[in-house]
Amino acid sequence: MADYLKRLPQAQGIQLAGRNVLPYESTAEFIEAIAPFVDNVSRRDGGG
């Protein structure tokens, strides 16, 4: 992930426990992890 974050200056990354931790593998943890990002984008773009 560090390589992606270094090359994409606007990128954000969060590591979750598990193998791939896709939404269907750990839904509650996935939602909890991405909620702040979604809220931030919604506010910035005038939504929410």
N, C-alpha and C. Protein backbone atom coordinates (compact mmCIF):
# COMPACT_ATOMS: atom_id res chain seq x y z
N MET A 1 0.82 -1.18 0.00
CA MET A 1 0.00 0.00 0.00
C MET A 1 0.87 1.25 0.00
N ALA A 2 2.00 1.22 0.65
CA ALA A 2 2.86 2.39 0.74
C ALA A 2 3.26 2.88 -0.65
N ASP A 3 3.49 1.97 -1.58
CA ASP A 3 3.86 2.35 -2.94
C ASP A 3 2.72 3.10 -3.63
N TYR A 4 1.49 2.63 -3.47
CA TYR A 4 0.33 3.33 -4.04
C TYR A 4 0.19 4.72 -3.44
N LEU A 5 0.28 4.80 -2.12
CA LEU A 5 0.12 6.09 -1.46
C LEU A 5 1.21 7.08 -1.85
N LYS A 6 2.40 6.58 -2.08
CA LYS A 6 3.52 7.45 -2.49
C LYS A 6 3.29 7.98 -3.90
N ARG A 7 2.77 7.17 -4.78
CA ARG A 7 2.62 7.55 -6.19
C ARG A 7 1.31 8.29 -6.49
N LEU A 8 0.34 8.17 -5.61
CA LEU A 8 -0.95 8.84 -5.80
C LEU A 8 -1.15 9.83 -4.65
N PRO A 9 -0.78 11.09 -4.84
CA PRO A 9 -0.78 12.05 -3.74
C PRO A 9 -2.14 12.28 -3.08
N GLN A 10 -3.22 12.03 -3.76
CA GLN A 10 -4.55 12.21 -3.17
C GLN A 10 -5.10 10.92 -2.57
N ALA A 11 -4.31 9.86 -2.61
CA ALA A 11 -4.79 8.55 -2.15
C ALA A 11 -4.89 8.48 -0.63
N GLN A 12 -5.76 7.61 -0.18
CA GLN A 12 -5.89 7.27 1.23
C GLN A 12 -5.93 5.76 1.32
N GLY A 13 -5.36 5.21 2.37
CA GLY A 13 -5.38 3.76 2.50
C GLY A 13 -5.61 3.33 3.94
N ILE A 14 -6.32 2.23 4.08
CA ILE A 14 -6.57 1.63 5.38
C ILE A 14 -6.37 0.13 5.23
N GLN A 15 -5.64 -0.47 6.15
CA GLN A 15 -5.49 -1.92 6.14
C GLN A 15 -6.42 -2.52 7.18
N LEU A 16 -7.16 -3.53 6.75
CA LEU A 16 -8.07 -4.25 7.63
C LEU A 16 -7.56 -5.67 7.81
N ALA A 17 -7.81 -6.23 8.96
CA ALA A 17 -7.39 -7.61 9.22
C ALA A 17 -8.13 -8.56 8.28
N GLY A 18 -7.44 -9.58 7.82
CA GLY A 18 -8.04 -10.57 6.93
C GLY A 18 -7.23 -10.69 5.66
N ARG A 19 -7.71 -11.49 4.74
CA ARG A 19 -6.96 -11.69 3.50
C ARG A 19 -7.24 -10.55 2.54
N ASN A 20 -8.40 -10.53 1.95
CA ASN A 20 -8.74 -9.48 0.99
C ASN A 20 -9.70 -8.45 1.58
N VAL A 21 -10.46 -8.85 2.57
CA VAL A 21 -11.42 -8.01 3.29
C VAL A 21 -12.31 -7.21 2.34
N LEU A 22 -12.88 -7.91 1.42
CA LEU A 22 -13.86 -7.29 0.54
C LEU A 22 -15.17 -7.16 1.31
N PRO A 23 -16.08 -6.32 0.85
CA PRO A 23 -17.32 -6.10 1.60
C PRO A 23 -18.06 -7.39 1.97
N TYR A 24 -18.02 -8.38 1.11
CA TYR A 24 -18.75 -9.61 1.42
C TYR A 24 -18.00 -10.52 2.38
N GLU A 25 -16.74 -10.25 2.66
CA GLU A 25 -15.99 -11.07 3.61
C GLU A 25 -16.16 -10.57 5.04
N SER A 26 -16.28 -9.27 5.20
CA SER A 26 -16.36 -8.68 6.53
C SER A 26 -17.12 -7.36 6.42
N THR A 27 -18.40 -7.45 6.17
CA THR A 27 -19.22 -6.29 5.84
C THR A 27 -19.17 -5.20 6.90
N ALA A 28 -19.38 -5.54 8.16
CA ALA A 28 -19.41 -4.51 9.21
C ALA A 28 -18.08 -3.77 9.32
N GLU A 29 -16.97 -4.50 9.30
CA GLU A 29 -15.67 -3.87 9.39
C GLU A 29 -15.38 -3.01 8.17
N PHE A 30 -15.79 -3.47 6.99
CA PHE A 30 -15.58 -2.71 5.76
C PHE A 30 -16.35 -1.39 5.81
N ILE A 31 -17.61 -1.45 6.20
CA ILE A 31 -18.44 -0.24 6.29
C ILE A 31 -17.86 0.73 7.32
N GLU A 32 -17.44 0.21 8.46
CA GLU A 32 -16.86 1.06 9.50
C GLU A 32 -15.59 1.75 9.01
N ALA A 33 -14.79 1.04 8.23
CA ALA A 33 -13.53 1.60 7.73
C ALA A 33 -13.75 2.65 6.65
N ILE A 34 -14.73 2.47 5.77
CA ILE A 34 -14.89 3.42 4.67
C ILE A 34 -15.85 4.56 4.97
N ALA A 35 -16.62 4.45 6.04
CA ALA A 35 -17.61 5.49 6.36
C ALA A 35 -16.99 6.88 6.49
N PRO A 36 -15.87 7.06 7.18
CA PRO A 36 -15.30 8.41 7.27
C PRO A 36 -14.90 8.97 5.90
N PHE A 37 -14.38 8.11 5.03
CA PHE A 37 -14.02 8.56 3.68
C PHE A 37 -15.26 9.00 2.90
N VAL A 38 -16.31 8.20 2.96
CA VAL A 38 -17.54 8.53 2.24
C VAL A 38 -18.14 9.82 2.78
N ASP A 39 -18.16 9.98 4.10
CA ASP A 39 -18.66 11.22 4.69
C ASP A 39 -17.87 12.42 4.23
N ASN A 40 -16.56 12.29 4.21
CA ASN A 40 -15.69 13.39 3.78
C ASN A 40 -15.94 13.76 2.33
N VAL A 41 -16.03 12.79 1.47
CA VAL A 41 -16.29 13.05 0.04
C VAL A 41 -17.67 13.67 -0.14
N SER A 42 -18.64 13.17 0.59
CA SER A 42 -20.01 13.70 0.49
C SER A 42 -20.04 15.17 0.90
N ARG A 43 -19.40 15.53 1.98
CA ARG A 43 -19.37 16.92 2.43
C ARG A 43 -18.64 17.82 1.44
N ARG A 44 -17.51 17.33 0.95
CA ARG A 44 -16.71 18.11 0.01
C ARG A 44 -17.46 18.37 -1.29
N ASP A 45 -18.23 17.39 -1.72
CA ASP A 45 -18.97 17.52 -2.99
C ASP A 45 -20.37 18.08 -2.82
N GLY A 46 -20.71 18.51 -1.60
CA GLY A 46 -22.00 19.13 -1.37
C GLY A 46 -23.12 18.17 -1.08
N GLY A 47 -22.82 16.89 -0.92
CA GLY A 47 -23.87 15.91 -0.62
C GLY A 47 -24.05 15.77 0.87
N GLY A 48 -24.85 14.77 1.23
CA GLY A 48 -25.02 14.40 2.64
C GLY A 48 -25.81 15.33 3.39
